[in-house]
Each structure stands twice: as C-alpha cells, then as structure tokens.
C-alpha cells in the first residue's frame, strides 16, 4: 500500500545502535558533564600532557571546551615520536570518537569532555558507548533541525 499523503516516522533505538554499530549498550554508563574552559584546559594538560599555555591557546582557538581534530592529530604524532603510548592511545581514541560517535556539524572539532572517558584505558572499554552515541545523535538531530541551521 503506497504511503501517499502519509508521514512515516522512524525512531533509532538502542537496539539499532547495538546491531548496526556493534557498540555496547548494557555496560557502565559514563556521565559526560559539560566543561568550562578552565576544566577543559586542566583535562588536556593532565591526560594529553600538553602545556597549560598550549591547551588554553587551542580551546580559545576552538571557541570553547573543544579542540580541533587537526591539532589533536599533531598531539598524536608528537606523542608517538616521544613513545608516550598511553597518551598516544588517548589522543587516537578521542580523535576516533570525534570523527565517528560524537561527530558534529563542524566536522572539525571534538568536545574535550569525551577525553574523560579515556582517563583509565582499562576501564574505557566497559562503558555503554552505544547509549552515549544515541544521546549525542538525538542531540545533534535537534540542533540541525533548527531553522537557522
């Protein structure tokens, strides 16, 4: 039966996220609290081992508690050369989720708050990333559906 004159609604569910993206939806939930600029700078200096000045410059350049993906790639490369493997892994994973799970309409920035999920790399695999991805997806859908966007 054709759908002429009818609107079909489609809802993405947690089951869809688990089946299509193969992300866990039943493990521990991580609470990503909004960060201010100072908190973002502290997180960057602690977990990516960049200087406070470098972190502050980057967050100012990215206009908030964000960093540019290009800057993050530079941090990754420098940490690879320095053989700082834990920091390298954090930079890589933040870049990965910034380009996939938590992508935004800018396609050039990632929110620093997601770095908190990689503080303890042994524990980060135990989070219900599918839940966070679905919440982010709905939040971004709301933002892009606004008239000015």
N, C-alpha and C. Protein backbone atom coordinates (compact mmCIF):
# COMPACT_ATOMS: atom_id res chain seq x y z
N UNK A 1 0.84 -1.18 0.00
CA UNK A 1 0.00 0.00 0.00
C UNK A 1 0.89 1.24 0.00
N UNK A 2 0.72 2.15 -0.97
CA UNK A 2 1.56 3.35 -1.03
C UNK A 2 1.30 4.28 0.15
N UNK A 3 2.31 5.07 0.49
CA UNK A 3 2.22 5.99 1.62
C UNK A 3 1.86 7.41 1.18
N UNK A 4 1.15 7.56 0.07
CA UNK A 4 0.78 8.89 -0.39
C UNK A 4 0.02 9.65 0.68
N UNK A 5 0.51 10.85 0.97
CA UNK A 5 -0.18 11.70 1.94
C UNK A 5 0.07 11.31 3.38
N UNK A 6 0.89 10.32 3.62
CA UNK A 6 1.18 9.90 4.99
C UNK A 6 2.64 10.20 5.32
N UNK A 7 2.87 10.45 6.57
CA UNK A 7 4.23 10.69 7.03
C UNK A 7 4.68 9.44 7.78
N UNK A 8 5.79 8.90 7.38
CA UNK A 8 6.35 7.74 8.06
C UNK A 8 7.38 8.23 9.09
N UNK A 9 7.26 7.76 10.31
CA UNK A 9 8.19 8.12 11.36
C UNK A 9 9.13 6.95 11.61
N UNK A 10 10.37 7.28 11.82
CA UNK A 10 11.37 6.27 12.09
C UNK A 10 12.13 6.71 13.33
N UNK A 11 12.26 5.83 14.28
CA UNK A 11 12.97 6.12 15.50
C UNK A 11 14.16 5.19 15.62
N UNK A 12 15.31 5.75 15.91
CA UNK A 12 16.50 4.95 16.13
C UNK A 12 16.51 4.54 17.59
N UNK A 13 16.65 3.25 17.83
CA UNK A 13 16.60 2.72 19.19
C UNK A 13 17.98 2.24 19.63
N UNK A 14 18.10 1.93 20.91
CA UNK A 14 19.35 1.38 21.42
C UNK A 14 19.66 0.05 20.75
N UNK A 15 18.64 -0.73 20.45
CA UNK A 15 18.85 -2.00 19.77
C UNK A 15 19.45 -1.76 18.38
N UNK A 16 18.98 -0.72 17.69
CA UNK A 16 19.54 -0.37 16.38
C UNK A 16 21.03 -0.02 16.52
N UNK A 17 21.37 0.76 17.53
CA UNK A 17 22.76 1.15 17.75
C UNK A 17 23.61 -0.09 18.01
N UNK A 18 23.11 -0.99 18.84
CA UNK A 18 23.86 -2.20 19.15
C UNK A 18 24.05 -3.08 17.92
N UNK A 19 23.00 -3.23 17.12
CA UNK A 19 23.07 -4.10 15.94
C UNK A 19 23.87 -3.49 14.80
N UNK A 20 23.69 -2.19 14.55
CA UNK A 20 24.33 -1.56 13.40
C UNK A 20 25.76 -1.11 13.68
N UNK A 21 26.00 -0.59 14.85
CA UNK A 21 27.32 -0.04 15.18
C UNK A 21 28.16 -0.99 16.03
N UNK A 22 27.54 -2.05 16.54
CA UNK A 22 28.23 -3.03 17.39
C UNK A 22 28.86 -2.36 18.61
N UNK A 23 28.09 -1.46 19.21
CA UNK A 23 28.53 -0.77 20.41
C UNK A 23 27.79 -1.32 21.61
N UNK A 24 28.46 -1.46 22.75
CA UNK A 24 27.78 -1.96 23.94
C UNK A 24 26.74 -0.97 24.45
N UNK A 25 25.60 -1.51 24.89
CA UNK A 25 24.54 -0.66 25.43
C UNK A 25 24.17 -1.06 26.85
N UNK A 26 24.81 -2.08 27.39
CA UNK A 26 24.41 -2.59 28.70
C UNK A 26 25.47 -2.47 29.78
N UNK A 27 26.62 -1.92 29.49
CA UNK A 27 27.67 -1.84 30.49
C UNK A 27 27.53 -0.56 31.31
N UNK A 28 28.61 -0.13 31.92
CA UNK A 28 28.59 1.05 32.78
C UNK A 28 28.29 2.32 31.98
N UNK A 29 27.53 3.19 32.59
CA UNK A 29 27.24 4.48 31.96
C UNK A 29 28.28 5.50 32.41
N UNK A 30 28.77 6.27 31.48
CA UNK A 30 29.70 7.34 31.81
C UNK A 30 28.95 8.65 31.69
N UNK A 31 29.06 9.47 32.68
CA UNK A 31 28.35 10.75 32.68
C UNK A 31 29.29 11.84 32.18
N UNK A 32 29.01 12.34 30.98
CA UNK A 32 29.82 13.40 30.40
C UNK A 32 29.22 14.74 30.82
N UNK A 33 29.81 15.34 31.86
CA UNK A 33 29.34 16.62 32.36
C UNK A 33 29.92 17.75 31.50
N UNK A 34 29.14 18.80 31.25
CA UNK A 34 29.67 19.93 30.48
C UNK A 34 30.91 20.52 31.16
N UNK A 35 31.85 20.95 30.35
CA UNK A 35 33.09 21.52 30.87
C UNK A 35 33.18 23.00 30.55
N UNK A 36 33.76 23.75 31.48
CA UNK A 36 34.13 25.13 31.20
C UNK A 36 35.52 25.13 30.59
N UNK A 37 35.96 26.28 30.16
CA UNK A 37 37.28 26.40 29.52
C UNK A 37 38.40 25.96 30.47
N UNK A 38 38.35 26.40 31.72
CA UNK A 38 39.41 26.05 32.66
C UNK A 38 39.46 24.55 32.91
N UNK A 39 38.30 23.92 33.03
CA UNK A 39 38.26 22.46 33.23
C UNK A 39 38.79 21.73 32.01
N UNK A 40 38.48 22.23 30.82
CA UNK A 40 38.97 21.61 29.59
C UNK A 40 40.49 21.71 29.52
N UNK A 41 41.03 22.86 29.89
CA UNK A 41 42.49 23.05 29.88
C UNK A 41 43.14 22.08 30.86
N UNK A 42 42.57 21.95 32.05
CA UNK A 42 43.13 21.01 33.04
C UNK A 42 43.10 19.57 32.53
N UNK A 43 42.01 19.18 31.89
CA UNK A 43 41.89 17.83 31.36
C UNK A 43 42.91 17.58 30.26
N UNK A 44 43.10 18.55 29.39
CA UNK A 44 44.08 18.42 28.31
C UNK A 44 45.51 18.33 28.85
N UNK A 45 45.82 19.14 29.85
CA UNK A 45 47.19 19.10 30.41
C UNK A 45 47.43 17.78 31.14
N UNK A 46 46.42 17.29 31.81
CA UNK A 46 46.58 16.05 32.58
C UNK A 46 46.61 14.81 31.68
N UNK A 47 45.67 14.69 30.77
CA UNK A 47 45.52 13.44 30.02
C UNK A 47 46.25 13.40 28.68
N UNK A 48 46.49 14.57 28.07
CA UNK A 48 47.26 14.59 26.82
C UNK A 48 48.67 15.14 27.03
N UNK A 49 48.95 15.56 28.25
CA UNK A 49 50.28 16.03 28.63
C UNK A 49 50.80 17.16 27.75
N UNK A 50 49.90 18.12 27.47
CA UNK A 50 50.31 19.33 26.76
C UNK A 50 50.47 20.43 27.81
N UNK A 51 51.16 21.49 27.46
CA UNK A 51 51.34 22.58 28.41
C UNK A 51 50.02 23.32 28.61
N UNK A 52 49.89 23.97 29.75
CA UNK A 52 48.70 24.76 30.02
C UNK A 52 48.49 25.85 28.99
N UNK A 53 49.59 26.47 28.58
CA UNK A 53 49.51 27.53 27.58
C UNK A 53 49.03 26.99 26.23
N UNK A 54 49.56 25.84 25.84
CA UNK A 54 49.15 25.22 24.57
C UNK A 54 47.67 24.82 24.61
N UNK A 55 47.25 24.26 25.74
CA UNK A 55 45.84 23.85 25.89
C UNK A 55 44.92 25.06 25.87
N UNK A 56 45.30 26.13 26.56
CA UNK A 56 44.49 27.34 26.59
C UNK A 56 44.40 27.96 25.20
N UNK A 57 45.50 28.03 24.49
CA UNK A 57 45.51 28.59 23.14
C UNK A 57 44.57 27.80 22.23
N UNK A 58 44.61 26.46 22.35
CA UNK A 58 43.76 25.63 21.49
C UNK A 58 42.28 25.79 21.81
N UNK A 59 41.92 25.83 23.08
CA UNK A 59 40.50 25.98 23.43
C UNK A 59 39.98 27.36 23.04
N UNK A 60 40.82 28.39 23.15
CA UNK A 60 40.42 29.72 22.70
C UNK A 60 40.22 29.71 21.19
N UNK A 61 41.14 29.07 20.49
CA UNK A 61 41.05 28.99 19.03
C UNK A 61 39.81 28.22 18.58
N UNK A 62 39.42 27.20 19.37
CA UNK A 62 38.25 26.38 19.03
C UNK A 62 36.96 26.97 19.62
N UNK A 63 37.05 28.09 20.30
CA UNK A 63 35.89 28.81 20.85
C UNK A 63 35.11 28.01 21.90
N UNK A 64 35.80 27.47 22.87
CA UNK A 64 35.11 26.77 23.96
C UNK A 64 35.88 25.55 24.40
N UNK A 65 35.17 24.63 25.04
CA UNK A 65 35.78 23.41 25.56
C UNK A 65 35.91 22.37 24.45
N UNK A 66 36.44 22.82 23.33
CA UNK A 66 36.63 21.97 22.15
C UNK A 66 38.09 22.05 21.72
N UNK A 67 38.49 21.08 20.92
CA UNK A 67 39.79 21.15 20.26
C UNK A 67 39.60 20.77 18.80
N UNK A 68 40.48 21.30 17.97
CA UNK A 68 40.41 20.97 16.54
C UNK A 68 40.99 19.57 16.32
N UNK A 69 40.37 18.83 15.42
CA UNK A 69 40.86 17.50 15.10
C UNK A 69 42.27 17.57 14.51
N UNK A 70 42.58 18.62 13.76
CA UNK A 70 43.92 18.77 13.19
C UNK A 70 44.96 18.94 14.30
N UNK A 71 44.63 19.70 15.34
CA UNK A 71 45.54 19.88 16.47
C UNK A 71 45.72 18.56 17.20
N UNK A 72 44.64 17.81 17.35
CA UNK A 72 44.70 16.53 18.03
C UNK A 72 45.59 15.54 17.27
N UNK A 73 45.56 15.59 15.94
CA UNK A 73 46.44 14.74 15.13
C UNK A 73 47.91 15.11 15.38
N UNK A 74 48.19 16.41 15.52
CA UNK A 74 49.56 16.84 15.82
C UNK A 74 50.02 16.33 17.19
N UNK A 75 49.12 16.40 18.17
CA UNK A 75 49.45 15.87 19.51
C UNK A 75 49.72 14.38 19.41
N UNK A 76 48.89 13.67 18.67
CA UNK A 76 49.07 12.23 18.49
C UNK A 76 50.45 11.92 17.89
N UNK A 77 50.80 12.63 16.83
CA UNK A 77 52.08 12.38 16.17
C UNK A 77 53.26 12.68 17.09
N UNK A 78 53.17 13.77 17.84
CA UNK A 78 54.28 14.12 18.74
C UNK A 78 54.40 13.11 19.88
N UNK A 79 53.29 12.59 20.36
CA UNK A 79 53.33 11.60 21.44
C UNK A 79 53.83 10.25 20.91
N UNK A 80 53.55 9.94 19.65
CA UNK A 80 54.11 8.73 19.02
C UNK A 80 55.63 8.83 18.97
N UNK A 81 56.12 9.98 18.54
CA UNK A 81 57.57 10.17 18.43
C UNK A 81 58.24 10.10 19.80
N UNK A 82 57.53 10.58 20.81
CA UNK A 82 58.08 10.57 22.18
C UNK A 82 57.87 9.22 22.87
N UNK A 83 57.17 8.30 22.19
CA UNK A 83 56.88 6.96 22.72
C UNK A 83 56.09 7.02 24.03
N UNK A 84 55.18 7.97 24.12
CA UNK A 84 54.26 8.07 25.26
C UNK A 84 52.98 7.34 24.85
N UNK A 85 52.97 6.03 25.02
CA UNK A 85 51.92 5.21 24.41
C UNK A 85 50.55 5.38 25.04
N UNK A 86 50.48 5.61 26.33
CA UNK A 86 49.17 5.82 26.97
C UNK A 86 48.54 7.11 26.45
N UNK A 87 49.32 8.17 26.40
CA UNK A 87 48.83 9.46 25.90
C UNK A 87 48.50 9.34 24.42
N UNK A 88 49.32 8.62 23.67
CA UNK A 88 49.06 8.39 22.25
C UNK A 88 47.72 7.69 22.06
N UNK A 89 47.46 6.69 22.87
CA UNK A 89 46.19 5.96 22.78
C UNK A 89 45.00 6.87 23.09
N UNK A 90 45.15 7.72 24.10
CA UNK A 90 44.06 8.65 24.43
C UNK A 90 43.78 9.60 23.27
N UNK A 91 44.85 10.15 22.68
CA UNK A 91 44.68 11.07 21.55
C UNK A 91 44.02 10.36 20.38
N UNK A 92 44.45 9.15 20.09
CA UNK A 92 43.87 8.38 18.99
C UNK A 92 42.39 8.11 19.23
N UNK A 93 42.05 7.65 20.44
CA UNK A 93 40.66 7.32 20.74
C UNK A 93 39.77 8.56 20.74
N UNK A 94 40.28 9.68 21.24
CA UNK A 94 39.49 10.92 21.20
C UNK A 94 39.25 11.34 19.76
N UNK A 95 40.26 11.22 18.92
CA UNK A 95 40.09 11.55 17.50
C UNK A 95 39.07 10.62 16.86
N UNK A 96 39.15 9.34 17.19
CA UNK A 96 38.22 8.35 16.63
C UNK A 96 36.78 8.67 16.99
N UNK A 97 36.50 8.91 18.26
CA UNK A 97 35.12 9.19 18.64
C UNK A 97 34.68 10.57 18.15
N UNK A 98 35.62 11.50 18.01
CA UNK A 98 35.29 12.83 17.48
C UNK A 98 34.90 12.80 16.02
N UNK A 99 35.40 11.81 15.29
CA UNK A 99 35.07 11.68 13.86
C UNK A 99 33.91 10.72 13.60
N UNK A 100 33.55 9.94 14.60
CA UNK A 100 32.50 8.92 14.38
C UNK A 100 31.35 9.10 15.35
N UNK A 101 31.48 8.60 16.55
CA UNK A 101 30.37 8.59 17.51
C UNK A 101 29.88 9.97 17.91
N UNK A 102 30.80 10.90 18.12
CA UNK A 102 30.43 12.21 18.62
C UNK A 102 30.72 13.31 17.60
N UNK A 103 30.58 12.98 16.34
CA UNK A 103 30.78 13.98 15.29
C UNK A 103 29.70 15.05 15.39
N UNK A 104 30.06 16.25 15.00
CA UNK A 104 29.08 17.34 14.99
C UNK A 104 29.10 18.02 13.63
N UNK A 105 28.26 19.00 13.45
CA UNK A 105 28.13 19.61 12.13
C UNK A 105 29.39 20.36 11.69
N UNK A 106 30.27 20.70 12.62
CA UNK A 106 31.51 21.38 12.23
C UNK A 106 32.44 20.43 11.49
N UNK A 107 32.42 19.17 11.86
CA UNK A 107 33.30 18.13 11.28
C UNK A 107 34.78 18.46 11.46
N UNK A 108 35.09 19.42 12.32
CA UNK A 108 36.49 19.79 12.54
C UNK A 108 36.88 19.84 14.01
N UNK A 109 35.92 19.74 14.91
CA UNK A 109 36.17 19.88 16.34
C UNK A 109 35.62 18.68 17.11
N UNK A 110 36.21 18.44 18.27
CA UNK A 110 35.68 17.44 19.20
C UNK A 110 35.64 18.08 20.58
N UNK A 111 34.62 17.72 21.33
CA UNK A 111 34.46 18.27 22.68
C UNK A 111 35.46 17.58 23.61
N UNK A 112 36.15 18.34 24.42
CA UNK A 112 37.16 17.82 25.33
C UNK A 112 36.56 16.89 26.38
N UNK A 113 35.28 17.04 26.69
CA UNK A 113 34.65 16.23 27.72
C UNK A 113 34.78 14.73 27.43
N UNK A 114 34.84 14.35 26.17
CA UNK A 114 34.94 12.92 25.83
C UNK A 114 36.29 12.33 26.21
N UNK A 115 37.28 13.17 26.41
CA UNK A 115 38.59 12.70 26.84
C UNK A 115 38.50 12.04 28.22
N UNK A 116 37.57 12.49 29.03
CA UNK A 116 37.39 11.91 30.37
C UNK A 116 37.10 10.40 30.29
N UNK A 117 36.43 9.96 29.24
CA UNK A 117 36.14 8.54 29.07
C UNK A 117 37.37 7.69 28.85
N UNK A 118 38.51 8.33 28.57
CA UNK A 118 39.75 7.61 28.32
C UNK A 118 40.80 7.85 29.40
N UNK A 119 40.36 8.35 30.54
CA UNK A 119 41.28 8.56 31.66
C UNK A 119 41.93 7.22 32.04
N UNK A 120 41.12 6.21 32.26
CA UNK A 120 41.59 4.86 32.58
C UNK A 120 41.29 3.98 31.37
N UNK A 121 42.30 3.71 30.57
CA UNK A 121 42.09 2.98 29.32
C UNK A 121 41.59 1.56 29.58
N UNK A 122 41.94 0.99 30.71
CA UNK A 122 41.46 -0.35 31.05
C UNK A 122 39.96 -0.37 31.30
N UNK A 123 39.42 0.73 31.78
CA UNK A 123 38.00 0.82 32.10
C UNK A 123 37.18 1.35 30.92
N UNK A 124 37.80 2.07 30.00
CA UNK A 124 37.04 2.73 28.93
C UNK A 124 36.29 1.76 28.02
N UNK A 125 36.77 0.54 27.90
CA UNK A 125 36.06 -0.45 27.09
C UNK A 125 34.82 -0.99 27.77
N UNK A 126 34.64 -0.68 29.03
CA UNK A 126 33.49 -1.18 29.78
C UNK A 126 32.32 -0.22 29.85
N UNK A 127 32.39 0.88 29.10
CA UNK A 127 31.29 1.84 29.09
C UNK A 127 30.26 1.47 28.04
N UNK A 128 29.04 1.88 28.27
CA UNK A 128 27.95 1.67 27.30
C UNK A 128 28.02 2.79 26.27
N UNK A 129 28.99 2.70 25.37
CA UNK A 129 29.22 3.74 24.37
C UNK A 129 28.03 3.92 23.45
N UNK A 130 27.26 2.85 23.24
CA UNK A 130 26.08 2.94 22.38
C UNK A 130 25.04 3.90 22.93
N UNK A 131 24.88 3.92 24.24
CA UNK A 131 23.93 4.83 24.88
C UNK A 131 24.38 6.28 24.66
N UNK A 132 25.66 6.54 24.91
CA UNK A 132 26.20 7.90 24.72
C UNK A 132 26.09 8.33 23.26
N UNK A 133 26.34 7.40 22.34
CA UNK A 133 26.25 7.72 20.91
C UNK A 133 24.82 8.06 20.52
N UNK A 134 23.84 7.32 21.04
CA UNK A 134 22.44 7.59 20.70
C UNK A 134 21.99 8.94 21.27
N UNK A 135 22.37 9.24 22.50
CA UNK A 135 22.04 10.53 23.09
C UNK A 135 22.64 11.66 22.27
N UNK A 136 23.90 11.50 21.88
CA UNK A 136 24.57 12.52 21.08
C UNK A 136 23.88 12.68 19.72
N UNK A 137 23.50 11.56 19.12
CA UNK A 137 22.85 11.60 17.82
C UNK A 137 21.53 12.37 17.89
N UNK A 138 20.73 12.10 18.92
CA UNK A 138 19.47 12.82 19.07
C UNK A 138 19.70 14.30 19.37
N UNK A 139 20.72 14.59 20.16
CA UNK A 139 21.03 15.98 20.47
C UNK A 139 21.44 16.73 19.21
N UNK A 140 22.27 16.13 18.38
CA UNK A 140 22.70 16.75 17.13
C UNK A 140 21.54 16.87 16.14
N UNK A 141 20.65 15.87 16.13
CA UNK A 141 19.47 15.93 15.26
C UNK A 141 18.60 17.13 15.63
N UNK A 142 18.45 17.36 16.92
CA UNK A 142 17.70 18.52 17.38
C UNK A 142 18.36 19.80 16.91
N UNK A 143 19.69 19.87 17.03
CA UNK A 143 20.40 21.09 16.64
C UNK A 143 20.31 21.36 15.15
N UNK A 144 20.49 20.35 14.32
CA UNK A 144 20.48 20.58 12.87
C UNK A 144 19.09 20.77 12.31
N UNK A 145 18.06 20.44 13.07
CA UNK A 145 16.70 20.62 12.57
C UNK A 145 16.15 22.02 12.87
N UNK A 146 16.94 22.85 13.55
CA UNK A 146 16.52 24.21 13.85
C UNK A 146 16.53 25.05 12.56
N UNK A 147 15.63 25.96 12.42
CA UNK A 147 15.50 26.78 11.22
C UNK A 147 16.79 27.50 10.83
N UNK A 148 17.52 28.17 11.74
CA UNK A 148 18.74 28.86 11.33
C UNK A 148 19.84 27.93 10.79
N UNK A 149 19.81 26.69 11.20
CA UNK A 149 20.83 25.74 10.76
C UNK A 149 20.54 25.29 9.37
